[in-house]
Amino acid sequence: MIESTLNSLEVEAAFEVRDTCLSKHLRQADRIIMQLYDEMLRPHRLKSTQFTLLIAIRLQQPVNQKTLAECTVTDRTTLTRNLASLARQGLIQVQPGTDRRVKEISLTTDGHQRLKEAFPAWKKAQSQTEELLGKTNVHQLLAELSKISIKFAAT
């Protein structure tokens, strides 16, 4: 009887996680949407994560790695790996800043060009997403996600 009760609780807990876990549902939606953006950006030899990282650099350049990690909510190890990939492609340059311990990151001419060429593909992915979800829903979702980011950043 005890084992039956435990199994019943485990099944109930499993259903609860499956049906209500915000992390699970966000990750699933993220993977689905990323596949669409990645597919559109593939001809430009970029993944959606690389594209958005290049955009973050473009908006703040030159930017140091610590600031870039904070604004993209990326741990330093992952960011270092992603930056190395972009540097190998010749899309960014990493140079010592005025303080030699701090590296400054900026786009190269090729990086600017790749962003310019890839932007219409990103725009197409964005339009398809808005078409599938509805423009109003996308704007509401962006507003809610922004609120979540602000709340969690404050903690």
N, C-alpha and C. Protein backbone atom coordinates (compact mmCIF):
# COMPACT_ATOMS: atom_id res chain seq x y z
N MET A 1 0.82 -1.20 0.00
CA MET A 1 0.00 0.00 0.00
C MET A 1 0.86 1.26 0.00
N ILE A 2 1.94 1.26 0.80
CA ILE A 2 2.82 2.43 0.86
C ILE A 2 3.44 2.68 -0.50
N GLU A 3 3.90 1.61 -1.17
CA GLU A 3 4.52 1.77 -2.49
C GLU A 3 3.51 2.32 -3.50
N SER A 4 2.29 1.85 -3.43
CA SER A 4 1.23 2.32 -4.32
C SER A 4 0.97 3.81 -4.11
N THR A 5 0.95 4.25 -2.85
CA THR A 5 0.74 5.67 -2.54
C THR A 5 1.90 6.50 -3.06
N LEU A 6 3.13 6.01 -2.87
CA LEU A 6 4.30 6.73 -3.36
C LEU A 6 4.27 6.85 -4.88
N ASN A 7 3.96 5.74 -5.54
CA ASN A 7 3.89 5.77 -7.00
C ASN A 7 2.82 6.75 -7.48
N SER A 8 1.69 6.78 -6.77
CA SER A 8 0.61 7.69 -7.13
C SER A 8 1.06 9.14 -6.98
N LEU A 9 1.78 9.43 -5.88
CA LEU A 9 2.29 10.78 -5.66
C LEU A 9 3.33 11.15 -6.72
N GLU A 10 4.19 10.20 -7.07
CA GLU A 10 5.20 10.45 -8.10
C GLU A 10 4.54 10.76 -9.43
N VAL A 11 3.50 10.02 -9.76
CA VAL A 11 2.79 10.25 -11.02
C VAL A 11 2.12 11.63 -10.99
N GLU A 12 1.47 11.95 -9.86
CA GLU A 12 0.83 13.26 -9.73
C GLU A 12 1.87 14.38 -9.87
N ALA A 13 3.01 14.20 -9.22
CA ALA A 13 4.07 15.21 -9.29
C ALA A 13 4.59 15.34 -10.72
N ALA A 14 4.73 14.21 -11.40
CA ALA A 14 5.21 14.24 -12.78
C ALA A 14 4.24 14.99 -13.68
N PHE A 15 2.94 14.74 -13.50
CA PHE A 15 1.93 15.46 -14.28
C PHE A 15 1.96 16.96 -13.96
N GLU A 16 2.12 17.27 -12.68
CA GLU A 16 2.17 18.68 -12.28
C GLU A 16 3.34 19.40 -12.96
N VAL A 17 4.51 18.76 -12.96
CA VAL A 17 5.67 19.36 -13.62
C VAL A 17 5.40 19.49 -15.12
N ARG A 18 4.91 18.42 -15.73
CA ARG A 18 4.64 18.43 -17.17
C ARG A 18 3.69 19.57 -17.56
N ASP A 19 2.67 19.77 -16.75
CA ASP A 19 1.61 20.70 -17.11
C ASP A 19 1.84 22.14 -16.65
N THR A 20 2.64 22.34 -15.59
CA THR A 20 2.71 23.69 -15.00
C THR A 20 4.11 24.27 -14.90
N CYS A 21 5.14 23.52 -15.23
CA CYS A 21 6.51 24.02 -15.04
C CYS A 21 6.82 25.12 -16.06
N LEU A 22 6.95 26.32 -15.58
CA LEU A 22 7.24 27.46 -16.45
C LEU A 22 8.58 27.28 -17.17
N SER A 23 9.57 26.79 -16.46
CA SER A 23 10.89 26.57 -17.08
C SER A 23 10.79 25.62 -18.26
N LYS A 24 10.08 24.52 -18.07
CA LYS A 24 9.92 23.53 -19.14
C LYS A 24 9.24 24.14 -20.36
N HIS A 25 8.15 24.85 -20.12
CA HIS A 25 7.38 25.41 -21.23
C HIS A 25 8.14 26.53 -21.95
N LEU A 26 8.87 27.34 -21.19
CA LEU A 26 9.69 28.39 -21.82
C LEU A 26 10.79 27.77 -22.68
N ARG A 27 11.44 26.72 -22.17
CA ARG A 27 12.52 26.08 -22.93
C ARG A 27 11.98 25.42 -24.20
N GLN A 28 10.82 24.79 -24.11
CA GLN A 28 10.23 24.18 -25.31
C GLN A 28 9.92 25.24 -26.36
N ALA A 29 9.27 26.31 -25.92
CA ALA A 29 8.94 27.39 -26.86
C ALA A 29 10.21 28.00 -27.43
N ASP A 30 11.21 28.18 -26.59
CA ASP A 30 12.49 28.74 -27.04
C ASP A 30 13.12 27.87 -28.12
N ARG A 31 13.14 26.57 -27.90
CA ARG A 31 13.74 25.66 -28.89
C ARG A 31 12.98 25.71 -30.22
N ILE A 32 11.67 25.76 -30.16
CA ILE A 32 10.86 25.79 -31.38
C ILE A 32 11.12 27.09 -32.15
N ILE A 33 11.09 28.20 -31.44
CA ILE A 33 11.29 29.50 -32.09
C ILE A 33 12.73 29.63 -32.59
N MET A 34 13.70 29.18 -31.79
CA MET A 34 15.10 29.24 -32.23
C MET A 34 15.33 28.45 -33.51
N GLN A 35 14.66 27.32 -33.65
CA GLN A 35 14.81 26.52 -34.87
C GLN A 35 14.39 27.33 -36.10
N LEU A 36 13.31 28.09 -35.97
CA LEU A 36 12.85 28.92 -37.08
C LEU A 36 13.88 30.01 -37.41
N TYR A 37 14.35 30.72 -36.39
CA TYR A 37 15.33 31.78 -36.61
C TYR A 37 16.64 31.20 -37.14
N ASP A 38 17.08 30.08 -36.57
CA ASP A 38 18.32 29.45 -37.04
C ASP A 38 18.22 29.05 -38.51
N GLU A 39 17.06 28.52 -38.89
CA GLU A 39 16.85 28.12 -40.28
C GLU A 39 16.96 29.33 -41.22
N MET A 40 16.37 30.44 -40.82
CA MET A 40 16.41 31.65 -41.65
C MET A 40 17.82 32.24 -41.72
N LEU A 41 18.57 32.14 -40.63
CA LEU A 41 19.91 32.74 -40.57
C LEU A 41 21.00 31.83 -41.12
N ARG A 42 20.69 30.55 -41.32
CA ARG A 42 21.69 29.57 -41.78
C ARG A 42 22.42 30.01 -43.05
N PRO A 43 21.74 30.55 -44.08
CA PRO A 43 22.47 30.97 -45.28
C PRO A 43 23.53 32.05 -45.00
N HIS A 44 23.41 32.72 -43.85
CA HIS A 44 24.37 33.77 -43.49
C HIS A 44 25.42 33.25 -42.50
N ARG A 45 25.43 31.92 -42.32
CA ARG A 45 26.38 31.26 -41.44
C ARG A 45 26.33 31.80 -40.01
N LEU A 46 25.10 32.04 -39.56
CA LEU A 46 24.87 32.51 -38.19
C LEU A 46 23.75 31.71 -37.55
N LYS A 47 23.87 31.54 -36.24
CA LYS A 47 22.76 31.02 -35.44
C LYS A 47 22.09 32.21 -34.77
N SER A 48 20.88 32.01 -34.32
CA SER A 48 20.16 33.12 -33.69
C SER A 48 20.90 33.66 -32.48
N THR A 49 21.55 32.79 -31.72
CA THR A 49 22.30 33.24 -30.56
C THR A 49 23.48 34.12 -30.98
N GLN A 50 24.13 33.77 -32.08
CA GLN A 50 25.24 34.58 -32.58
C GLN A 50 24.73 35.92 -33.10
N PHE A 51 23.62 35.89 -33.81
CA PHE A 51 23.04 37.12 -34.36
C PHE A 51 22.72 38.10 -33.24
N THR A 52 22.03 37.63 -32.19
CA THR A 52 21.66 38.53 -31.10
C THR A 52 22.88 39.01 -30.32
N LEU A 53 23.92 38.19 -30.24
CA LEU A 53 25.16 38.61 -29.59
C LEU A 53 25.84 39.71 -30.41
N LEU A 54 25.87 39.54 -31.72
CA LEU A 54 26.42 40.58 -32.60
C LEU A 54 25.63 41.88 -32.46
N ILE A 55 24.32 41.77 -32.36
CA ILE A 55 23.48 42.96 -32.16
C ILE A 55 23.83 43.65 -30.84
N ALA A 56 23.98 42.88 -29.77
CA ALA A 56 24.33 43.45 -28.47
C ALA A 56 25.68 44.17 -28.54
N ILE A 57 26.64 43.57 -29.22
CA ILE A 57 27.95 44.20 -29.38
C ILE A 57 27.80 45.49 -30.19
N ARG A 58 27.05 45.41 -31.28
CA ARG A 58 26.86 46.58 -32.16
C ARG A 58 26.27 47.75 -31.39
N LEU A 59 25.32 47.49 -30.52
CA LEU A 59 24.64 48.56 -29.80
C LEU A 59 25.51 49.20 -28.72
N GLN A 60 26.55 48.49 -28.25
CA GLN A 60 27.34 48.99 -27.13
C GLN A 60 28.82 49.17 -27.43
N GLN A 61 29.24 48.86 -28.63
CA GLN A 61 30.67 48.80 -28.90
C GLN A 61 31.38 50.14 -28.72
N PRO A 62 32.63 50.07 -28.28
CA PRO A 62 33.26 48.87 -27.75
C PRO A 62 32.67 48.54 -26.38
N VAL A 63 32.55 47.25 -26.11
CA VAL A 63 31.96 46.79 -24.86
C VAL A 63 32.89 45.77 -24.23
N ASN A 64 32.99 45.82 -22.90
CA ASN A 64 33.83 44.81 -22.24
C ASN A 64 33.01 43.55 -21.99
N GLN A 65 33.73 42.47 -21.73
CA GLN A 65 33.09 41.16 -21.61
C GLN A 65 32.14 41.10 -20.42
N LYS A 66 32.49 41.74 -19.32
CA LYS A 66 31.64 41.71 -18.13
C LYS A 66 30.29 42.39 -18.42
N THR A 67 30.33 43.55 -19.05
CA THR A 67 29.10 44.26 -19.40
C THR A 67 28.27 43.46 -20.39
N LEU A 68 28.95 42.87 -21.37
CA LEU A 68 28.25 42.06 -22.38
C LEU A 68 27.59 40.84 -21.74
N ALA A 69 28.28 40.21 -20.81
CA ALA A 69 27.71 39.05 -20.10
C ALA A 69 26.47 39.47 -19.32
N GLU A 70 26.53 40.62 -18.67
CA GLU A 70 25.39 41.10 -17.89
C GLU A 70 24.20 41.43 -18.78
N CYS A 71 24.45 42.14 -19.87
CA CYS A 71 23.31 42.58 -20.70
C CYS A 71 22.70 41.43 -21.50
N THR A 72 23.46 40.38 -21.76
CA THR A 72 22.91 39.23 -22.48
C THR A 72 22.50 38.10 -21.54
N VAL A 73 22.71 38.31 -20.25
CA VAL A 73 22.41 37.31 -19.22
C VAL A 73 23.05 35.97 -19.61
N THR A 74 24.35 36.04 -19.84
CA THR A 74 25.12 34.87 -20.25
C THR A 74 26.28 34.68 -19.28
N ASP A 75 26.51 33.44 -18.85
CA ASP A 75 27.64 33.21 -17.95
C ASP A 75 28.94 33.43 -18.74
N ARG A 76 29.99 33.79 -18.02
CA ARG A 76 31.24 34.19 -18.66
C ARG A 76 31.86 33.07 -19.50
N THR A 77 31.75 31.83 -19.05
CA THR A 77 32.32 30.71 -19.80
C THR A 77 31.64 30.56 -21.15
N THR A 78 30.31 30.58 -21.15
CA THR A 78 29.56 30.46 -22.40
C THR A 78 29.85 31.65 -23.31
N LEU A 79 29.88 32.84 -22.73
CA LEU A 79 30.16 34.03 -23.53
C LEU A 79 31.55 33.96 -24.15
N THR A 80 32.54 33.53 -23.39
CA THR A 80 33.90 33.40 -23.91
C THR A 80 33.93 32.45 -25.11
N ARG A 81 33.24 31.33 -24.99
CA ARG A 81 33.18 30.34 -26.08
C ARG A 81 32.49 30.94 -27.32
N ASN A 82 31.37 31.64 -27.10
CA ASN A 82 30.64 32.25 -28.21
C ASN A 82 31.44 33.36 -28.88
N LEU A 83 32.15 34.15 -28.08
CA LEU A 83 32.98 35.22 -28.65
C LEU A 83 34.14 34.64 -29.45
N ALA A 84 34.71 33.54 -28.97
CA ALA A 84 35.82 32.90 -29.71
C ALA A 84 35.35 32.45 -31.08
N SER A 85 34.14 31.91 -31.16
CA SER A 85 33.59 31.48 -32.45
C SER A 85 33.41 32.67 -33.39
N LEU A 86 32.89 33.77 -32.88
CA LEU A 86 32.70 34.97 -33.70
C LEU A 86 34.03 35.56 -34.13
N ALA A 87 35.02 35.50 -33.25
CA ALA A 87 36.36 36.01 -33.59
C ALA A 87 37.00 35.14 -34.68
N ARG A 88 36.84 33.82 -34.59
CA ARG A 88 37.39 32.92 -35.62
C ARG A 88 36.78 33.20 -36.99
N GLN A 89 35.52 33.61 -36.99
CA GLN A 89 34.85 33.96 -38.25
C GLN A 89 35.23 35.35 -38.73
N GLY A 90 35.99 36.07 -37.91
CA GLY A 90 36.40 37.42 -38.29
C GLY A 90 35.31 38.46 -38.13
N LEU A 91 34.31 38.18 -37.30
CA LEU A 91 33.17 39.09 -37.15
C LEU A 91 33.34 40.09 -36.01
N ILE A 92 34.21 39.76 -35.06
CA ILE A 92 34.49 40.67 -33.95
C ILE A 92 35.99 40.76 -33.74
N GLN A 93 36.38 41.83 -33.07
CA GLN A 93 37.77 41.92 -32.62
C GLN A 93 37.76 42.16 -31.12
N VAL A 94 38.70 41.54 -30.46
CA VAL A 94 38.84 41.67 -29.02
C VAL A 94 40.21 42.30 -28.79
N GLN A 95 40.20 43.48 -28.16
CA GLN A 95 41.44 44.21 -27.94
C GLN A 95 41.55 44.62 -26.48
N PRO A 96 42.78 44.79 -26.01
CA PRO A 96 42.94 45.29 -24.64
C PRO A 96 42.35 46.70 -24.53
N GLY A 97 41.70 46.96 -23.40
CA GLY A 97 41.15 48.29 -23.16
C GLY A 97 42.21 49.17 -22.53
N THR A 98 41.79 50.33 -22.04
CA THR A 98 42.73 51.22 -21.37
C THR A 98 43.30 50.54 -20.13
N ASP A 99 42.47 49.77 -19.47
CA ASP A 99 42.92 48.90 -18.38
C ASP A 99 43.24 47.56 -19.04
N ARG A 100 44.49 47.17 -19.06
CA ARG A 100 44.94 45.96 -19.78
C ARG A 100 44.23 44.68 -19.34
N ARG A 101 43.65 44.70 -18.14
CA ARG A 101 42.95 43.50 -17.66
C ARG A 101 41.58 43.35 -18.31
N VAL A 102 41.08 44.43 -18.90
CA VAL A 102 39.74 44.43 -19.50
C VAL A 102 39.87 44.42 -21.01
N LYS A 103 39.18 43.48 -21.64
CA LYS A 103 39.19 43.39 -23.10
C LYS A 103 37.96 44.11 -23.65
N GLU A 104 38.18 44.85 -24.73
CA GLU A 104 37.08 45.54 -25.39
C GLU A 104 36.72 44.81 -26.68
N ILE A 105 35.43 44.62 -26.88
CA ILE A 105 34.92 43.85 -28.01
C ILE A 105 34.17 44.79 -28.94
N SER A 106 34.44 44.66 -30.22
CA SER A 106 33.71 45.44 -31.22
C SER A 106 33.58 44.64 -32.50
N LEU A 107 32.67 45.06 -33.35
CA LEU A 107 32.47 44.39 -34.63
C LEU A 107 33.58 44.79 -35.60
N THR A 108 33.96 43.86 -36.43
CA THR A 108 34.86 44.16 -37.54
C THR A 108 34.01 44.64 -38.72
N THR A 109 34.68 45.05 -39.77
CA THR A 109 33.96 45.42 -41.00
C THR A 109 33.14 44.24 -41.48
N ASP A 110 33.73 43.03 -41.43
CA ASP A 110 33.00 41.82 -41.83
C ASP A 110 31.80 41.57 -40.91
N GLY A 111 31.95 41.86 -39.62
CA GLY A 111 30.85 41.70 -38.68
C GLY A 111 29.69 42.62 -39.01
N HIS A 112 30.01 43.88 -39.30
CA HIS A 112 28.97 44.83 -39.71
C HIS A 112 28.28 44.34 -40.99
N GLN A 113 29.07 43.87 -41.94
CA GLN A 113 28.53 43.41 -43.22
C GLN A 113 27.63 42.19 -43.03
N ARG A 114 28.07 41.24 -42.20
CA ARG A 114 27.27 40.03 -41.97
C ARG A 114 25.94 40.38 -41.32
N LEU A 115 25.97 41.30 -40.35
CA LEU A 115 24.72 41.74 -39.72
C LEU A 115 23.79 42.37 -40.75
N LYS A 116 24.35 43.22 -41.58
CA LYS A 116 23.55 43.90 -42.61
C LYS A 116 22.92 42.88 -43.56
N GLU A 117 23.69 41.87 -43.95
CA GLU A 117 23.18 40.84 -44.87
C GLU A 117 22.17 39.93 -44.20
N ALA A 118 22.36 39.66 -42.90
CA ALA A 118 21.50 38.71 -42.18
C ALA A 118 20.20 39.36 -41.68
N PHE A 119 20.18 40.67 -41.58
CA PHE A 119 19.01 41.34 -41.02
C PHE A 119 17.70 40.99 -41.74
N PRO A 120 17.65 40.97 -43.07
CA PRO A 120 16.40 40.59 -43.74
C PRO A 120 15.94 39.16 -43.38
N ALA A 121 16.89 38.25 -43.17
CA ALA A 121 16.54 36.88 -42.77
C ALA A 121 15.95 36.89 -41.36
N TRP A 122 16.54 37.67 -40.46
CA TRP A 122 15.99 37.80 -39.12
C TRP A 122 14.58 38.40 -39.20
N LYS A 123 14.42 39.41 -40.03
CA LYS A 123 13.13 40.08 -40.19
C LYS A 123 12.07 39.08 -40.69
N LYS A 124 12.48 38.21 -41.60
CA LYS A 124 11.55 37.19 -42.12
C LYS A 124 11.15 36.22 -41.01
N ALA A 125 12.11 35.79 -40.20
CA ALA A 125 11.80 34.90 -39.07
C ALA A 125 10.87 35.60 -38.08
N GLN A 126 11.14 36.86 -37.83
CA GLN A 126 10.31 37.65 -36.92
C GLN A 126 8.88 37.75 -37.46
N SER A 127 8.75 38.03 -38.74
CA SER A 127 7.42 38.14 -39.37
C SER A 127 6.67 36.82 -39.32
N GLN A 128 7.38 35.71 -39.59
CA GLN A 128 6.73 34.40 -39.54
C GLN A 128 6.26 34.08 -38.13
N THR A 129 7.07 34.44 -37.14
CA THR A 129 6.69 34.20 -35.75
C THR A 129 5.46 35.03 -35.40
N GLU A 130 5.46 36.29 -35.81
CA GLU A 130 4.29 37.14 -35.55
C GLU A 130 3.05 36.62 -36.27
N GLU A 131 3.24 36.09 -37.47
CA GLU A 131 2.12 35.54 -38.22
C GLU A 131 1.54 34.31 -37.52
N LEU A 132 2.42 33.46 -37.03
CA LEU A 132 1.97 32.24 -36.34
C LEU A 132 1.29 32.53 -35.01
N LEU A 133 1.88 33.45 -34.25
CA LEU A 133 1.37 33.72 -32.90
C LEU A 133 0.38 34.88 -32.85
N GLY A 134 0.41 35.72 -33.85
CA GLY A 134 -0.40 36.94 -33.83
C GLY A 134 0.43 38.09 -33.29
N LYS A 135 0.40 39.20 -34.01
CA LYS A 135 1.24 40.35 -33.65
C LYS A 135 0.95 40.84 -32.23
N THR A 136 -0.32 40.92 -31.87
CA THR A 136 -0.70 41.38 -30.54
C THR A 136 -0.15 40.44 -29.47
N ASN A 137 -0.27 39.14 -29.69
CA ASN A 137 0.26 38.16 -28.73
C ASN A 137 1.77 38.30 -28.58
N VAL A 138 2.47 38.52 -29.69
CA VAL A 138 3.93 38.67 -29.63
C VAL A 138 4.29 39.90 -28.81
N HIS A 139 3.60 41.01 -29.03
CA HIS A 139 3.89 42.23 -28.28
C HIS A 139 3.58 42.05 -26.79
N GLN A 140 2.48 41.37 -26.48
CA GLN A 140 2.15 41.10 -25.08
C GLN A 140 3.18 40.17 -24.45
N LEU A 141 3.60 39.15 -25.19
CA LEU A 141 4.60 38.22 -24.69
C LEU A 141 5.92 38.95 -24.42
N LEU A 142 6.34 39.80 -25.35
CA LEU A 142 7.57 40.57 -25.16
C LEU A 142 7.48 41.46 -23.92
N ALA A 143 6.34 42.07 -23.71
CA ALA A 143 6.15 42.92 -22.53
C ALA A 143 6.25 42.10 -21.24
N GLU A 144 5.62 40.93 -21.23
CA GLU A 144 5.67 40.07 -20.04
C GLU A 144 7.08 39.54 -19.79
N LEU A 145 7.76 39.13 -20.85
CA LEU A 145 9.13 38.63 -20.70
C LEU A 145 10.06 39.74 -20.20
N SER A 146 9.83 40.94 -20.66
CA SER A 146 10.62 42.08 -20.19
C SER A 146 10.40 42.30 -18.69
N LYS A 147 9.16 42.21 -18.25
CA LYS A 147 8.86 42.35 -16.82
C LYS A 147 9.57 41.27 -16.01
N ILE A 148 9.55 40.05 -16.51
CA ILE A 148 10.22 38.94 -15.82
C ILE A 148 11.71 39.23 -15.72
N SER A 149 12.32 39.65 -16.81
CA SER A 149 13.76 39.95 -16.81
C SER A 149 14.09 41.02 -15.79
N ILE A 150 13.28 42.06 -15.75
CA ILE A 150 13.52 43.16 -14.80
C ILE A 150 13.38 42.67 -13.37
N LYS A 151 12.34 41.89 -13.08
CA LYS A 151 12.13 41.39 -11.72
C LYS A 151 13.27 40.48 -11.27
N PHE A 152 13.69 39.57 -12.14
CA PHE A 152 14.74 38.64 -11.75
C PHE A 152 16.10 39.33 -11.68
N ALA A 153 16.31 40.34 -12.49
CA ALA A 153 17.58 41.09 -12.45
C ALA A 153 17.69 41.86 -11.14
N ALA A 154 16.56 42.25 -10.58
CA ALA A 154 16.55 43.02 -9.34
C ALA A 154 16.79 42.15 -8.12
N THR A 155 16.70 40.83 -8.28
CA THR A 155 16.88 39.95 -7.10
C THR A 155 18.31 39.51 -6.94
